[in-house]
Amino acid sequence: MANIRDLKKDINYVLGDIIEAVYIVDAANNKPDSKEGAKIIDSAIETFDDLIAKVNQRGVENRASHLKEVREELEKKGKALIENLNKLS
């Protein structure tokens, strides 16, 4: 079973790195606080809140399966955010 603490760290690191990358791309393009970048950041924050809430859910029948689904959702949503980030460049 995945360690819950490690899963929370992974969520934080992945989404934090995406947010940081948005700031770097915006700075490189001389577009601080771009609307497109703000949308990606807002989406990353929403995803973070959603995934952390799912990790903290109590009373799920199969905890290991539930955490595996959360990790897969992190991967899927992270890839989508990175694709949007690549469009900023």
N, C-alpha and C. Protein backbone atom coordinates (compact mmCIF):
# COMPACT_ATOMS: atom_id res chain seq x y z
N MET A 1 0.84 -1.18 0.00
CA MET A 1 0.00 0.00 0.00
C MET A 1 0.88 1.24 0.00
N ALA A 2 0.47 2.23 -0.75
CA ALA A 2 1.22 3.47 -0.83
C ALA A 2 1.17 4.19 0.51
N ASN A 3 2.29 4.73 0.88
CA ASN A 3 2.36 5.50 2.10
C ASN A 3 1.61 6.81 1.89
N ILE A 4 0.68 7.12 2.77
CA ILE A 4 -0.15 8.31 2.63
C ILE A 4 0.70 9.57 2.65
N ARG A 5 1.67 9.61 3.53
CA ARG A 5 2.55 10.78 3.62
C ARG A 5 3.28 11.00 2.30
N ASP A 6 3.78 9.93 1.70
CA ASP A 6 4.49 10.05 0.43
C ASP A 6 3.55 10.51 -0.68
N LEU A 7 2.33 10.03 -0.67
CA LEU A 7 1.36 10.45 -1.68
C LEU A 7 1.06 11.93 -1.54
N LYS A 8 0.88 12.40 -0.32
CA LYS A 8 0.64 13.83 -0.10
C LYS A 8 1.83 14.67 -0.55
N LYS A 9 3.04 14.18 -0.29
CA LYS A 9 4.24 14.88 -0.75
C LYS A 9 4.29 14.92 -2.27
N ASP A 10 3.97 13.80 -2.91
CA ASP A 10 3.97 13.75 -4.37
C ASP A 10 2.98 14.76 -4.95
N ILE A 11 1.79 14.82 -4.37
CA ILE A 11 0.78 15.78 -4.82
C ILE A 11 1.33 17.19 -4.69
N ASN A 12 1.91 17.48 -3.55
CA ASN A 12 2.44 18.82 -3.30
C ASN A 12 3.57 19.16 -4.26
N TYR A 13 4.51 18.23 -4.45
CA TYR A 13 5.66 18.50 -5.31
C TYR A 13 5.25 18.66 -6.77
N VAL A 14 4.41 17.76 -7.26
CA VAL A 14 4.02 17.81 -8.68
C VAL A 14 3.29 19.11 -8.99
N LEU A 15 2.28 19.41 -8.20
CA LEU A 15 1.49 20.61 -8.49
C LEU A 15 2.26 21.88 -8.16
N GLY A 16 3.10 21.83 -7.13
CA GLY A 16 3.95 22.99 -6.82
C GLY A 16 4.94 23.27 -7.94
N ASP A 17 5.51 22.23 -8.50
CA ASP A 17 6.45 22.41 -9.62
C ASP A 17 5.75 22.97 -10.85
N ILE A 18 4.51 22.57 -11.09
CA ILE A 18 3.76 23.10 -12.23
C ILE A 18 3.50 24.59 -12.02
N ILE A 19 3.11 24.97 -10.82
CA ILE A 19 2.86 26.39 -10.53
C ILE A 19 4.15 27.19 -10.70
N GLU A 20 5.25 26.66 -10.19
CA GLU A 20 6.53 27.34 -10.33
C GLU A 20 6.92 27.48 -11.81
N ALA A 21 6.66 26.46 -12.59
CA ALA A 21 6.97 26.50 -14.02
C ALA A 21 6.16 27.57 -14.73
N VAL A 22 4.92 27.77 -14.31
CA VAL A 22 4.09 28.82 -14.92
C VAL A 22 4.74 30.18 -14.68
N TYR A 23 5.19 30.42 -13.45
CA TYR A 23 5.85 31.69 -13.16
C TYR A 23 7.12 31.87 -13.97
N ILE A 24 7.87 30.80 -14.16
CA ILE A 24 9.10 30.87 -14.94
C ILE A 24 8.80 31.17 -16.40
N VAL A 25 7.82 30.49 -16.98
CA VAL A 25 7.46 30.72 -18.38
C VAL A 25 6.93 32.14 -18.56
N ASP A 26 6.09 32.60 -17.65
CA ASP A 26 5.57 33.96 -17.74
C ASP A 26 6.71 34.98 -17.66
N ALA A 27 7.66 34.76 -16.78
CA ALA A 27 8.79 35.68 -16.65
C ALA A 27 9.66 35.64 -17.90
N ALA A 28 9.86 34.47 -18.45
CA ALA A 28 10.69 34.34 -19.66
C ALA A 28 10.04 35.02 -20.86
N ASN A 29 8.71 35.03 -20.89
CA ASN A 29 7.99 35.65 -22.00
C ASN A 29 7.64 37.11 -21.72
N ASN A 30 8.14 37.65 -20.62
CA ASN A 30 7.84 39.03 -20.21
C ASN A 30 6.34 39.28 -20.10
N LYS A 31 5.62 38.30 -19.59
CA LYS A 31 4.18 38.42 -19.38
C LYS A 31 3.85 38.04 -17.94
N PRO A 32 4.29 38.83 -16.97
CA PRO A 32 3.95 38.47 -15.59
C PRO A 32 2.44 38.53 -15.39
N ASP A 33 1.93 37.58 -14.67
CA ASP A 33 0.50 37.51 -14.35
C ASP A 33 -0.38 37.41 -15.59
N SER A 34 0.00 36.56 -16.53
CA SER A 34 -0.82 36.36 -17.72
C SER A 34 -2.10 35.62 -17.35
N LYS A 35 -3.17 35.87 -18.10
CA LYS A 35 -4.45 35.22 -17.82
C LYS A 35 -4.37 33.72 -18.01
N GLU A 36 -3.65 33.28 -19.04
CA GLU A 36 -3.51 31.86 -19.30
C GLU A 36 -2.75 31.18 -18.15
N GLY A 37 -1.70 31.83 -17.68
CA GLY A 37 -0.93 31.29 -16.57
C GLY A 37 -1.76 31.23 -15.30
N ALA A 38 -2.56 32.26 -15.08
CA ALA A 38 -3.42 32.29 -13.89
C ALA A 38 -4.44 31.15 -13.92
N LYS A 39 -4.94 30.83 -15.11
CA LYS A 39 -5.90 29.72 -15.23
C LYS A 39 -5.23 28.39 -14.86
N ILE A 40 -4.00 28.20 -15.31
CA ILE A 40 -3.27 26.97 -15.00
C ILE A 40 -3.01 26.89 -13.50
N ILE A 41 -2.61 28.00 -12.90
CA ILE A 41 -2.34 28.02 -11.46
C ILE A 41 -3.62 27.72 -10.68
N ASP A 42 -4.73 28.35 -11.07
CA ASP A 42 -6.01 28.10 -10.39
C ASP A 42 -6.41 26.64 -10.51
N SER A 43 -6.21 26.08 -11.68
CA SER A 43 -6.54 24.67 -11.90
C SER A 43 -5.65 23.76 -11.05
N ALA A 44 -4.37 24.10 -10.93
CA ALA A 44 -3.46 23.30 -10.11
C ALA A 44 -3.86 23.37 -8.63
N ILE A 45 -4.28 24.53 -8.18
CA ILE A 45 -4.70 24.67 -6.78
C ILE A 45 -5.99 23.89 -6.53
N GLU A 46 -6.93 23.96 -7.47
CA GLU A 46 -8.16 23.17 -7.35
C GLU A 46 -7.86 21.68 -7.30
N THR A 47 -6.96 21.24 -8.17
CA THR A 47 -6.57 19.84 -8.22
C THR A 47 -5.93 19.43 -6.90
N PHE A 48 -5.05 20.27 -6.36
CA PHE A 48 -4.42 19.99 -5.09
C PHE A 48 -5.46 19.80 -3.99
N ASP A 49 -6.38 20.75 -3.89
CA ASP A 49 -7.42 20.67 -2.85
C ASP A 49 -8.26 19.41 -3.00
N ASP A 50 -8.62 19.10 -4.23
CA ASP A 50 -9.45 17.92 -4.51
C ASP A 50 -8.73 16.62 -4.14
N LEU A 51 -7.47 16.51 -4.55
CA LEU A 51 -6.73 15.28 -4.30
C LEU A 51 -6.41 15.10 -2.82
N ILE A 52 -6.06 16.16 -2.13
CA ILE A 52 -5.78 16.06 -0.69
C ILE A 52 -7.05 15.66 0.05
N ALA A 53 -8.20 16.20 -0.36
CA ALA A 53 -9.46 15.81 0.27
C ALA A 53 -9.74 14.33 0.06
N LYS A 54 -9.42 13.83 -1.14
CA LYS A 54 -9.63 12.41 -1.42
C LYS A 54 -8.69 11.53 -0.61
N VAL A 55 -7.46 11.97 -0.43
CA VAL A 55 -6.51 11.20 0.38
C VAL A 55 -6.99 11.13 1.82
N ASN A 56 -7.56 12.21 2.32
CA ASN A 56 -7.99 12.28 3.71
C ASN A 56 -9.36 11.66 3.97
N GLN A 57 -10.02 11.15 2.95
CA GLN A 57 -11.34 10.53 3.13
C GLN A 57 -11.23 9.34 4.07
N ARG A 58 -12.16 9.28 4.96
CA ARG A 58 -12.23 8.14 5.88
C ARG A 58 -13.38 7.25 5.43
N GLY A 59 -13.33 6.02 5.81
CA GLY A 59 -14.45 5.12 5.56
C GLY A 59 -14.54 4.57 4.16
N VAL A 60 -13.47 4.65 3.38
CA VAL A 60 -13.50 4.02 2.07
C VAL A 60 -13.33 2.52 2.27
N GLU A 61 -13.96 1.75 1.43
CA GLU A 61 -13.95 0.29 1.61
C GLU A 61 -12.56 -0.31 1.42
N ASN A 62 -11.93 0.01 0.32
CA ASN A 62 -10.60 -0.53 0.03
C ASN A 62 -9.62 0.63 -0.05
N ARG A 63 -8.94 0.89 1.05
CA ARG A 63 -8.06 2.07 1.16
C ARG A 63 -6.93 2.02 0.13
N ALA A 64 -6.33 0.87 -0.06
CA ALA A 64 -5.21 0.75 -1.01
C ALA A 64 -5.67 1.07 -2.43
N SER A 65 -6.80 0.55 -2.81
CA SER A 65 -7.34 0.81 -4.14
C SER A 65 -7.70 2.28 -4.30
N HIS A 66 -8.25 2.85 -3.26
CA HIS A 66 -8.63 4.27 -3.29
C HIS A 66 -7.40 5.15 -3.49
N LEU A 67 -6.33 4.86 -2.76
CA LEU A 67 -5.11 5.66 -2.88
C LEU A 67 -4.45 5.47 -4.25
N LYS A 68 -4.58 4.27 -4.80
CA LYS A 68 -4.04 4.02 -6.14
C LYS A 68 -4.80 4.87 -7.17
N GLU A 69 -6.11 4.97 -7.01
CA GLU A 69 -6.92 5.80 -7.90
C GLU A 69 -6.54 7.28 -7.77
N VAL A 70 -6.25 7.72 -6.55
CA VAL A 70 -5.84 9.11 -6.34
C VAL A 70 -4.51 9.37 -7.04
N ARG A 71 -3.58 8.42 -6.92
CA ARG A 71 -2.28 8.58 -7.59
C ARG A 71 -2.45 8.62 -9.11
N GLU A 72 -3.32 7.78 -9.66
CA GLU A 72 -3.57 7.78 -11.10
C GLU A 72 -4.21 9.09 -11.53
N GLU A 73 -5.12 9.61 -10.71
CA GLU A 73 -5.75 10.90 -11.02
C GLU A 73 -4.72 12.03 -11.00
N LEU A 74 -3.78 11.98 -10.05
CA LEU A 74 -2.70 12.97 -10.00
C LEU A 74 -1.90 12.93 -11.29
N GLU A 75 -1.58 11.73 -11.75
CA GLU A 75 -0.80 11.59 -12.97
C GLU A 75 -1.57 12.14 -14.18
N LYS A 76 -2.84 11.81 -14.27
CA LYS A 76 -3.66 12.26 -15.40
C LYS A 76 -3.82 13.78 -15.40
N LYS A 77 -4.18 14.33 -14.26
CA LYS A 77 -4.39 15.78 -14.18
C LYS A 77 -3.08 16.54 -14.30
N GLY A 78 -2.00 15.97 -13.76
CA GLY A 78 -0.69 16.60 -13.90
C GLY A 78 -0.26 16.69 -15.35
N LYS A 79 -0.48 15.62 -16.10
CA LYS A 79 -0.14 15.64 -17.53
C LYS A 79 -0.95 16.69 -18.28
N ALA A 80 -2.24 16.81 -17.94
CA ALA A 80 -3.08 17.80 -18.60
C ALA A 80 -2.60 19.22 -18.29
N LEU A 81 -2.21 19.46 -17.05
CA LEU A 81 -1.70 20.78 -16.69
C LEU A 81 -0.38 21.08 -17.40
N ILE A 82 0.46 20.07 -17.53
CA ILE A 82 1.74 20.26 -18.22
C ILE A 82 1.52 20.55 -19.70
N GLU A 83 0.53 19.88 -20.30
CA GLU A 83 0.21 20.18 -21.70
C GLU A 83 -0.24 21.62 -21.86
N ASN A 84 -1.06 22.10 -20.93
CA ASN A 84 -1.49 23.50 -20.97
C ASN A 84 -0.30 24.44 -20.75
N LEU A 85 0.61 24.06 -19.89
CA LEU A 85 1.80 24.85 -19.64
C LEU A 85 2.66 24.94 -20.89
N ASN A 86 2.79 23.83 -21.60
CA ASN A 86 3.59 23.83 -22.83
C ASN A 86 3.00 24.74 -23.89
N LYS A 87 1.71 24.95 -23.86
CA LYS A 87 1.07 25.85 -24.81
C LYS A 87 1.38 27.30 -24.52
N LEU A 88 1.77 27.61 -23.29
CA LEU A 88 2.13 28.99 -22.92
C LEU A 88 3.41 29.43 -23.61
N SER A 89 4.32 28.50 -23.83
CA SER A 89 5.64 28.85 -24.37
C SER A 89 5.57 29.45 -25.73
